[in-house]
C-alpha atoms as a PDB file:
ATOM      1  CA  UNK A   1     -13.350  13.057 -35.321  1.00  0.00           C
ATOM      2  CA  UNK A   2     -11.769  11.760 -32.462  1.00  0.00           C
ATOM      3  CA  UNK A   3     -13.454   9.731 -29.552  1.00  0.00           C
ATOM      4  CA  UNK A   4     -13.229  11.614 -26.259  1.00  0.00           C
ATOM      5  CA  UNK A   5     -14.026   9.111 -24.229  1.00  0.00           C
ATOM      6  CA  UNK A   6     -11.238   6.836 -25.242  1.00  0.00           C
ATOM      7  CA  UNK A   7      -8.571   9.750 -24.777  1.00  0.00           C
ATOM      8  CA  UNK A   8      -9.555  10.781 -21.024  1.00  0.00           C
ATOM      9  CA  UNK A   9      -8.760   8.685 -17.993  1.00  0.00           C
ATOM     10  CA  UNK A  10     -11.667   7.053 -15.732  1.00  0.00           C
ATOM     11  CA  UNK A  11     -11.950   9.081 -12.806  1.00  0.00           C
ATOM     12  CA  UNK A  12     -11.363   7.136  -9.679  1.00  0.00           C
ATOM     13  CA  UNK A  13     -14.405   6.419  -7.268  1.00  0.00           C
ATOM     14  CA  UNK A  14     -14.333   8.478  -4.114  1.00  0.00           C
ATOM     15  CA  UNK A  15     -13.216   7.062  -1.095  1.00  0.00           C
ATOM     16  CA  UNK A  16     -10.151   5.867   0.295  1.00  0.00           C
ATOM     17  CA  UNK A  17      -7.070   4.768  -1.709  1.00  0.00           C
ATOM     18  CA  UNK A  18      -6.391   1.081  -2.484  1.00  0.00           C
ATOM     19  CA  UNK A  19      -3.998  -0.360   0.525  1.00  0.00           C
ATOM     20  CA  UNK A  20      -1.979  -3.186  -0.882  1.00  0.00           C
ATOM     21  CA  UNK A  21       0.728  -3.732   1.665  1.00  0.00           C
ATOM     22  CA  UNK A  22       3.691  -6.259   1.306  1.00  0.00           C
ATOM     23  CA  UNK A  23       6.636  -6.768   3.552  1.00  0.00           C
ATOM     24  CA  UNK A  24      10.455  -5.979   2.366  1.00  0.00           C
ATOM     25  CA  UNK A  25      13.425  -7.336   4.005  1.00  0.00           C
ATOM     26  CA  UNK A  26      16.712  -5.358   4.067  1.00  0.00           C
ATOM     27  CA  UNK A  27      19.175  -7.420   5.944  1.00  0.00           C
ATOM     28  CA  UNK A  28      18.058  -8.863   8.832  1.00  0.00           C
ATOM     29  CA  UNK A  29      15.058  -6.297   9.070  1.00  0.00           C
ATOM     30  CA  UNK A  30      11.918  -6.634   7.729  1.00  0.00           C
ATOM     31  CA  UNK A  31       9.389  -3.669   7.272  1.00  0.00           C
ATOM     32  CA  UNK A  32       6.146  -3.545   5.954  1.00  0.00           C
ATOM     33  CA  UNK A  33       5.161  -1.090   2.596  1.00  0.00           C
ATOM     34  CA  UNK A  34       1.408  -0.332   1.327  1.00  0.00           C
ATOM     35  CA  UNK A  35       0.281   1.112  -1.987  1.00  0.00           C
ATOM     36  CA  UNK A  36      -0.616   4.344  -0.359  1.00  0.00           C
ATOM     37  CA  UNK A  37       3.319   5.401   0.284  1.00  0.00           C
ATOM     38  CA  UNK A  38       3.097   4.628   4.143  1.00  0.00           C
ATOM     39  CA  UNK A  39       5.786   2.192   5.388  1.00  0.00           C
ATOM     40  CA  UNK A  40       6.250   0.918   8.864  1.00  0.00           C
ATOM     41  CA  UNK A  41       9.153   0.568  11.544  1.00  0.00           C
ATOM     42  CA  UNK A  42      11.942  -1.862  10.765  1.00  0.00           C
ATOM     43  CA  UNK A  43      11.486  -5.044  12.629  1.00  0.00           C
ATOM     44  CA  UNK A  44      13.376  -8.149  13.047  1.00  0.00           C
ATOM     45  CA  UNK A  45      10.376 -10.230  13.407  1.00  0.00           C
ATOM     46  CA  UNK A  46       8.311 -11.008  10.514  1.00  0.00           C
ATOM     47  CA  UNK A  47       5.348 -11.519  12.185  1.00  0.00           C
ATOM     48  CA  UNK A  48       5.700  -8.085  13.720  1.00  0.00           C
ATOM     49  CA  UNK A  49       6.050  -6.460  10.365  1.00  0.00           C
ATOM     50  CA  UNK A  50       2.920  -8.420   9.293  1.00  0.00           C
ATOM     51  CA  UNK A  51       1.076  -7.069  12.185  1.00  0.00           C
ATOM     52  CA  UNK A  52       1.963  -3.377  11.238  1.00  0.00           C
ATOM     53  CA  UNK A  53       0.882  -3.713   7.577  1.00  0.00           C
ATOM     54  CA  UNK A  54      -2.675  -5.375   9.080  1.00  0.00           C
ATOM     55  CA  UNK A  55      -3.182  -2.547  11.469  1.00  0.00           C
ATOM     56  CA  UNK A  56      -2.442   0.082   8.875  1.00  0.00           C
ATOM     57  CA  UNK A  57      -5.082  -1.863   5.972  1.00  0.00           C
ATOM     58  CA  UNK A  58      -7.700  -1.443   9.140  1.00  0.00           C
ATOM     59  CA  UNK A  59      -7.014   2.126  10.185  1.00  0.00           C
ATOM     60  CA  UNK A  60      -6.091   3.352   6.596  1.00  0.00           C
END
């Protein structure tokens, strides 16, 4: 007999997906990315890309 609990994935709790943001550089531009698939516009200022990520995290 097989243990079914070990074979089935654990269901995710209801609610918004996790938002883990990072900034990535491409040449002279920096952009914010999120684990949910969102990405911000390319910015020349890293601080602005971080602000985009913080705003996305707050608004989801």
